């Protein structure tokens, strides 16, 4: 299917073809007049008449060509304007969804961290069936994590001048936070509790 732009290009080519045909016809007509008119006709007048006709044809062709080119420019400008408006709408939609996704990822991280603490504590209980054993020389056990982070990038659209750039943004799920003394104390107590539970479990295995 031809677009309006293609149709105008075809019309311009037709204009060139028409001009060529008209010029050729005028020249043939001039030659015919020279052969058929009486010898009393002034050749200079005939040539001047032909030049006038050709000039009129060229003028008409230039005006028609300028009109078609103006139509081409208007169609292209309209196409670009509409396309930019559509890109603006889609870019805003993508960035809105990206913001929502970033918020949900943060919520996921917060819940996963809380659940992971309980999950690891559960593994450290005596006779827990959730512990993964590492067959090493020390035969040490380590608690599993209930979640992992492999990729935190989300798609976004940024605009630089008139250019739209579809790229990605890294979501920082672990921003640097100041750790106070109480937080450090709780972390130390948790480590001691985990170690004590692990030692109890090791002793229970030895007496089996």
C-alpha atoms as a PDB file:
ATOM      1  CA  UNK A   1       0.000   0.000   0.000  1.00  0.00           C
ATOM      2  CA  UNK A   2       1.382   3.377  -1.034  1.00  0.00           C
ATOM      3  CA  UNK A   3       1.587   6.106   1.583  1.00  0.00           C
ATOM      4  CA  UNK A   4       0.660   9.696   0.861  1.00  0.00           C
ATOM      5  CA  UNK A   5       4.372  10.495   0.656  1.00  0.00           C
ATOM      6  CA  UNK A   6       4.850   7.805  -1.991  1.00  0.00           C
ATOM      7  CA  UNK A   7       1.840   9.077  -3.937  1.00  0.00           C
ATOM      8  CA  UNK A   8       3.302  12.587  -4.065  1.00  0.00           C
ATOM      9  CA  UNK A   9       6.676  11.213  -5.223  1.00  0.00           C
ATOM     10  CA  UNK A  10       4.875   9.403  -8.039  1.00  0.00           C
ATOM     11  CA  UNK A  11       3.060  12.625  -8.957  1.00  0.00           C
ATOM     12  CA  UNK A  12       6.355  14.545  -9.101  1.00  0.00           C
ATOM     13  CA  UNK A  13       7.810  11.940 -11.442  1.00  0.00           C
ATOM     14  CA  UNK A  14       4.721  12.265 -13.587  1.00  0.00           C
ATOM     15  CA  UNK A  15       5.234  16.048 -13.696  1.00  0.00           C
ATOM     16  CA  UNK A  16       8.778  15.583 -14.984  1.00  0.00           C
ATOM     17  CA  UNK A  17       7.527  13.133 -17.600  1.00  0.00           C
ATOM     18  CA  UNK A  18       4.771  15.542 -18.635  1.00  0.00           C
ATOM     19  CA  UNK A  19       7.223  18.418 -18.984  1.00  0.00           C
ATOM     20  CA  UNK A  20       9.503  16.306 -21.133  1.00  0.00           C
ATOM     21  CA  UNK A  21       6.578  15.258 -23.309  1.00  0.00           C
ATOM     22  CA  UNK A  22       5.286  18.814 -23.635  1.00  0.00           C
ATOM     23  CA  UNK A  23       8.710  20.167 -24.578  1.00  0.00           C
ATOM     24  CA  UNK A  24       9.139  17.419 -27.152  1.00  0.00           C
ATOM     25  CA  UNK A  25       5.677  18.165 -28.535  1.00  0.00           C
ATOM     26  CA  UNK A  26       6.433  21.891 -28.762  1.00  0.00           C
ATOM     27  CA  UNK A  27       9.646  21.224 -30.666  1.00  0.00           C
ATOM     28  CA  UNK A  28       7.884  18.889 -33.084  1.00  0.00           C
ATOM     29  CA  UNK A  29       5.131  21.473 -33.556  1.00  0.00           C
ATOM     30  CA  UNK A  30       7.757  24.113 -34.265  1.00  0.00           C
ATOM     31  CA  UNK A  31       9.409  21.938 -36.893  1.00  0.00           C
ATOM     32  CA  UNK A  32       6.023  21.232 -38.468  1.00  0.00           C
ATOM     33  CA  UNK A  33       5.202  24.941 -38.650  1.00  0.00           C
ATOM     34  CA  UNK A  34       8.519  25.672 -40.314  1.00  0.00           C
ATOM     35  CA  UNK A  35       7.810  23.039 -42.943  1.00  0.00           C
ATOM     36  CA  UNK A  36       4.167  23.920 -43.599  1.00  0.00           C
ATOM     37  CA  UNK A  37       4.008  27.692 -43.186  1.00  0.00           C
ATOM     38  CA  UNK A  38       4.630  29.948 -46.170  1.00  0.00           C
ATOM     39  CA  UNK A  39       8.141  31.137 -46.727  1.00  0.00           C
ATOM     40  CA  UNK A  40       7.002  34.658 -45.937  1.00  0.00           C
ATOM     41  CA  UNK A  41       6.793  33.769 -42.188  1.00  0.00           C
ATOM     42  CA  UNK A  42       9.720  35.191 -40.272  1.00  0.00           C
ATOM     43  CA  UNK A  43      11.838  32.459 -38.720  1.00  0.00           C
ATOM     44  CA  UNK A  44      12.833  34.769 -35.852  1.00  0.00           C
ATOM     45  CA  UNK A  45       9.178  35.235 -34.901  1.00  0.00           C
ATOM     46  CA  UNK A  46       8.577  31.470 -34.946  1.00  0.00           C
ATOM     47  CA  UNK A  47      11.610  30.872 -32.730  1.00  0.00           C
ATOM     48  CA  UNK A  48      10.461  33.590 -30.324  1.00  0.00           C
ATOM     49  CA  UNK A  49       7.017  32.001 -30.135  1.00  0.00           C
ATOM     50  CA  UNK A  50       8.560  28.597 -29.398  1.00  0.00           C
ATOM     51  CA  UNK A  51      10.790  30.040 -26.683  1.00  0.00           C
ATOM     52  CA  UNK A  52       7.747  31.724 -25.129  1.00  0.00           C
ATOM     53  CA  UNK A  53       5.832  28.449 -25.089  1.00  0.00           C
ATOM     54  CA  UNK A  54       8.755  26.568 -23.560  1.00  0.00           C
ATOM     55  CA  UNK A  55       9.202  29.281 -20.919  1.00  0.00           C
ATOM     56  CA  UNK A  56       5.534  29.008 -19.971  1.00  0.00           C
ATOM     57  CA  UNK A  57       5.865  25.242 -19.696  1.00  0.00           C
ATOM     58  CA  UNK A  58       8.945  25.542 -17.470  1.00  0.00           C
ATOM     59  CA  UNK A  59       7.184  28.096 -15.263  1.00  0.00           C
ATOM     60  CA  UNK A  60       4.149  25.878 -14.892  1.00  0.00           C
ATOM     61  CA  UNK A  61       6.320  22.868 -14.135  1.00  0.00           C
ATOM     62  CA  UNK A  62       8.307  24.734 -11.468  1.00  0.00           C
ATOM     63  CA  UNK A  63       5.135  25.944  -9.778  1.00  0.00           C
ATOM     64  CA  UNK A  64       3.638  22.448  -9.805  1.00  0.00           C
ATOM     65  CA  UNK A  65       6.872  20.954  -8.497  1.00  0.00           C
ATOM     66  CA  UNK A  66       7.088  23.525  -5.686  1.00  0.00           C
ATOM     67  CA  UNK A  67       3.494  22.755  -4.720  1.00  0.00           C
ATOM     68  CA  UNK A  68       4.154  19.028  -4.576  1.00  0.00           C
ATOM     69  CA  UNK A  69       7.325  19.529  -2.520  1.00  0.00           C
ATOM     70  CA  UNK A  70       5.377  21.682  -0.076  1.00  0.00           C
ATOM     71  CA  UNK A  71       2.847  18.889   0.286  1.00  0.00           C
ATOM     72  CA  UNK A  72       5.661  16.422   0.927  1.00  0.00           C
ATOM     73  CA  UNK A  73       7.113  18.642   3.654  1.00  0.00           C
ATOM     74  CA  UNK A  74       3.723  19.085   5.326  1.00  0.00           C
ATOM     75  CA  UNK A  75       3.055  15.335   5.326  1.00  0.00           C
ATOM     76  CA  UNK A  76       6.503  14.527   6.739  1.00  0.00           C
ATOM     77  CA  UNK A  77       6.161  17.221   9.411  1.00  0.00           C
ATOM     78  CA  UNK A  78       2.750  15.905  10.439  1.00  0.00           C
ATOM     79  CA  UNK A  79       4.085  12.337  10.590  1.00  0.00           C
ATOM     80  CA  UNK A  80       7.023  13.363  12.780  1.00  0.00           C
ATOM     81  CA  UNK A  81       4.819  15.457  15.099  1.00  0.00           C
ATOM     82  CA  UNK A  82       2.330  12.641  15.610  1.00  0.00           C
ATOM     83  CA  UNK A  83       5.152  10.130  16.131  1.00  0.00           C
ATOM     84  CA  UNK A  84       6.802  12.278  18.805  1.00  0.00           C
ATOM     85  CA  UNK A  85       3.483  12.632  20.642  1.00  0.00           C
ATOM     86  CA  UNK A  86       3.030   8.852  20.621  1.00  0.00           C
ATOM     87  CA  UNK A  87       6.592   8.316  21.858  1.00  0.00           C
ATOM     88  CA  UNK A  88       6.011  10.813  24.692  1.00  0.00           C
ATOM     89  CA  UNK A  89       2.919   8.909  25.807  1.00  0.00           C
ATOM     90  CA  UNK A  90       4.657   5.527  25.669  1.00  0.00           C
ATOM     91  CA  UNK A  91       7.784   6.848  27.422  1.00  0.00           C
ATOM     92  CA  UNK A  92       5.683   8.234  30.284  1.00  0.00           C
ATOM     93  CA  UNK A  93       3.815   4.936  30.538  1.00  0.00           C
ATOM     94  CA  UNK A  94       7.034   2.892  30.661  1.00  0.00           C
ATOM     95  CA  UNK A  95       8.578   5.177  33.286  1.00  0.00           C
ATOM     96  CA  UNK A  96       5.409   5.056  35.403  1.00  0.00           C
ATOM     97  CA  UNK A  97       5.434   1.263  35.303  1.00  0.00           C
ATOM     98  CA  UNK A  98       9.158   1.313  36.122  1.00  0.00           C
ATOM     99  CA  UNK A  99       8.502   3.410  39.234  1.00  0.00           C
ATOM    100  CA  UNK A 100       5.774   1.023  40.339  1.00  0.00           C
ATOM    101  CA  UNK A 101       8.030  -1.961  39.701  1.00  0.00           C
ATOM    102  CA  UNK A 102      10.852  -0.378  41.691  1.00  0.00           C
ATOM    103  CA  UNK A 103       8.502   0.109  44.654  1.00  0.00           C
ATOM    104  CA  UNK A 104       7.336  -3.515  44.463  1.00  0.00           C
ATOM    105  CA  UNK A 105      10.929  -4.745  44.293  1.00  0.00           C
ATOM    106  CA  UNK A 106      11.723  -2.802  47.472  1.00  0.00           C
ATOM    107  CA  UNK A 107       8.698  -4.332  49.181  1.00  0.00           C
ATOM    108  CA  UNK A 108       9.805  -7.766  48.027  1.00  0.00           C
ATOM    109  CA  UNK A 109      13.275  -7.206  49.479  1.00  0.00           C
ATOM    110  CA  UNK A 110      11.952  -6.072  52.858  1.00  0.00           C
ATOM    111  CA  UNK A 111       9.656  -9.085  53.210  1.00  0.00           C
ATOM    112  CA  UNK A 112      12.322 -11.481  51.938  1.00  0.00           C
ATOM    113  CA  UNK A 113      14.851 -10.218  54.495  1.00  0.00           C
ATOM    114  CA  UNK A 114      12.383 -10.751  57.355  1.00  0.00           C
ATOM    115  CA  UNK A 115      11.368 -14.212  56.180  1.00  0.00           C
ATOM    116  CA  UNK A 116      14.977 -15.185  55.561  1.00  0.00           C
ATOM    117  CA  UNK A 117      15.920 -14.514  59.191  1.00  0.00           C
ATOM    118  CA  UNK A 118      13.225 -16.873  60.414  1.00  0.00           C
ATOM    119  CA  UNK A 119      14.083 -19.386  57.734  1.00  0.00           C
ATOM    120  CA  UNK A 120      17.724 -19.510  58.800  1.00  0.00           C
ATOM    121  CA  UNK A 121      16.794 -19.678  62.496  1.00  0.00           C
ATOM    122  CA  UNK A 122      14.531 -22.614  61.708  1.00  0.00           C
ATOM    123  CA  UNK A 123      17.409 -24.435  60.024  1.00  0.00           C
ATOM    124  CA  UNK A 124      19.609 -23.998  63.100  1.00  0.00           C
ATOM    125  CA  UNK A 125      17.165 -25.753  65.407  1.00  0.00           C
ATOM    126  CA  UNK A 126      18.209 -29.254  66.552  1.00  0.00           C
ATOM    127  CA  UNK A 127      17.125 -32.042  64.183  1.00  0.00           C
ATOM    128  CA  UNK A 128      16.108 -29.529  61.530  1.00  0.00           C
ATOM    129  CA  UNK A 129      15.471 -31.098  58.124  1.00  0.00           C
ATOM    130  CA  UNK A 130      16.181 -27.859  56.241  1.00  0.00           C
ATOM    131  CA  UNK A 131      19.951 -27.771  56.760  1.00  0.00           C
ATOM    132  CA  UNK A 132      22.149 -28.224  53.715  1.00  0.00           C
ATOM    133  CA  UNK A 133      25.230 -30.283  54.532  1.00  0.00           C
ATOM    134  CA  UNK A 134      28.553 -29.507  52.919  1.00  0.00           C
ATOM    135  CA  UNK A 135      30.666 -32.647  52.640  1.00  0.00           C
ATOM    136  CA  UNK A 136      34.023 -31.121  53.518  1.00  0.00           C
ATOM    137  CA  UNK A 137      36.814 -32.201  55.796  1.00  0.00           C
ATOM    138  CA  UNK A 138      35.238 -30.255  58.658  1.00  0.00           C
ATOM    139  CA  UNK A 139      31.717 -31.406  57.742  1.00  0.00           C
ATOM    140  CA  UNK A 140      30.317 -27.961  58.495  1.00  0.00           C
ATOM    141  CA  UNK A 141      26.707 -27.002  57.920  1.00  0.00           C
ATOM    142  CA  UNK A 142      25.455 -23.662  56.687  1.00  0.00           C
ATOM    143  CA  UNK A 143      21.940 -22.259  56.628  1.00  0.00           C
ATOM    144  CA  UNK A 144      20.277 -21.674  53.306  1.00  0.00           C
ATOM    145  CA  UNK A 145      18.851 -18.372  52.089  1.00  0.00           C
ATOM    146  CA  UNK A 146      15.257 -18.290  50.965  1.00  0.00           C
ATOM    147  CA  UNK A 147      15.953 -15.639  48.329  1.00  0.00           C
ATOM    148  CA  UNK A 148      18.677 -14.412  45.971  1.00  0.00           C
ATOM    149  CA  UNK A 149      19.298 -11.331  43.842  1.00  0.00           C
ATOM    150  CA  UNK A 150      20.495 -11.961  40.286  1.00  0.00           C
ATOM    151  CA  UNK A 151      19.400  -8.824  38.457  1.00  0.00           C
ATOM    152  CA  UNK A 152      17.821  -5.565  39.622  1.00  0.00           C
ATOM    153  CA  UNK A 153      17.650  -3.657  36.347  1.00  0.00           C
ATOM    154  CA  UNK A 154      14.360  -2.262  35.048  1.00  0.00           C
ATOM    155  CA  UNK A 155      13.574  -0.644  31.654  1.00  0.00           C
ATOM    156  CA  UNK A 156      13.170   3.122  31.483  1.00  0.00           C
ATOM    157  CA  UNK A 157      13.074   5.776  28.762  1.00  0.00           C
ATOM    158  CA  UNK A 158      15.254   8.884  28.963  1.00  0.00           C
ATOM    159  CA  UNK A 159      15.136  11.827  26.582  1.00  0.00           C
ATOM    160  CA  UNK A 160      18.183  13.737  25.398  1.00  0.00           C
ATOM    161  CA  UNK A 161      17.213  16.641  23.220  1.00  0.00           C
ATOM    162  CA  UNK A 162      14.837  15.229  20.632  1.00  0.00           C
ATOM    163  CA  UNK A 163      16.106  11.660  21.029  1.00  0.00           C
ATOM    164  CA  UNK A 164      14.274   8.960  23.013  1.00  0.00           C
ATOM    165  CA  UNK A 165      16.589   6.374  24.589  1.00  0.00           C
ATOM    166  CA  UNK A 166      15.218   3.047  25.826  1.00  0.00           C
ATOM    167  CA  UNK A 167      17.671   1.841  28.465  1.00  0.00           C
ATOM    168  CA  UNK A 168      17.757   0.242  31.912  1.00  0.00           C
ATOM    169  CA  UNK A 169      18.073   1.463  35.480  1.00  0.00           C
ATOM    170  CA  UNK A 170      19.680  -0.449  38.336  1.00  0.00           C
ATOM    171  CA  UNK A 171      17.469  -0.576  41.434  1.00  0.00           C
ATOM    172  CA  UNK A 172      19.582  -0.319  44.573  1.00  0.00           C
ATOM    173  CA  UNK A 173      17.907  -2.691  46.993  1.00  0.00           C
ATOM    174  CA  UNK A 174      20.620  -2.265  49.608  1.00  0.00           C
ATOM    175  CA  UNK A 175      21.270   1.459  50.105  1.00  0.00           C
ATOM    176  CA  UNK A 176      23.999   2.413  52.545  1.00  0.00           C
ATOM    177  CA  UNK A 177      22.419   3.012  55.933  1.00  0.00           C
ATOM    178  CA  UNK A 178      23.917   4.167  59.201  1.00  0.00           C
ATOM    179  CA  UNK A 179      24.065   1.323  61.724  1.00  0.00           C
ATOM    180  CA  UNK A 180      23.515   2.429  65.326  1.00  0.00           C
ATOM    181  CA  UNK A 181      24.776   0.688  68.455  1.00  0.00           C
ATOM    182  CA  UNK A 182      21.467  -1.063  69.124  1.00  0.00           C
ATOM    183  CA  UNK A 183      21.452  -2.551  65.637  1.00  0.00           C
ATOM    184  CA  UNK A 184      25.010  -3.776  66.077  1.00  0.00           C
ATOM    185  CA  UNK A 185      24.130  -5.273  69.450  1.00  0.00           C
ATOM    186  CA  UNK A 186      21.121  -7.111  68.030  1.00  0.00           C
ATOM    187  CA  UNK A 187      23.244  -8.467  65.187  1.00  0.00           C
ATOM    188  CA  UNK A 188      25.929  -9.682  67.597  1.00  0.00           C
ATOM    189  CA  UNK A 189      23.333 -11.351  69.826  1.00  0.00           C
ATOM    190  CA  UNK A 190      21.811 -13.077  66.821  1.00  0.00           C
ATOM    191  CA  UNK A 191      25.210 -14.397  65.767  1.00  0.00           C
ATOM    192  CA  UNK A 192      25.854 -15.767  69.273  1.00  0.00           C
ATOM    193  CA  UNK A 193      22.441 -17.414  69.366  1.00  0.00           C
ATOM    194  CA  UNK A 194      22.981 -18.978  65.957  1.00  0.00           C
ATOM    195  CA  UNK A 195      26.415 -20.265  66.988  1.00  0.00           C
ATOM    196  CA  UNK A 196      25.068 -21.766  70.214  1.00  0.00           C
ATOM    197  CA  UNK A 197      22.270 -23.511  68.345  1.00  0.00           C
ATOM    198  CA  UNK A 198      24.742 -24.871  65.831  1.00  0.00           C
ATOM    199  CA  UNK A 199      27.023 -26.232  68.581  1.00  0.00           C
ATOM    200  CA  UNK A 200      24.069 -27.921  70.238  1.00  0.00           C
ATOM    201  CA  UNK A 201      23.172 -29.577  67.009  1.00  0.00           C
ATOM    202  CA  UNK A 202      26.749 -30.738  66.414  1.00  0.00           C
ATOM    203  CA  UNK A 203      26.850 -32.309  69.881  1.00  0.00           C
ATOM    204  CA  UNK A 204      23.592 -34.115  69.256  1.00  0.00           C
ATOM    205  CA  UNK A 205      25.061 -35.687  66.123  1.00  0.00           C
ATOM    206  CA  UNK A 206      28.167 -36.820  67.954  1.00  0.00           C
ATOM    207  CA  UNK A 207      26.118 -38.697  70.588  1.00  0.00           C
ATOM    208  CA  UNK A 208      23.995 -40.510  68.057  1.00  0.00           C
END
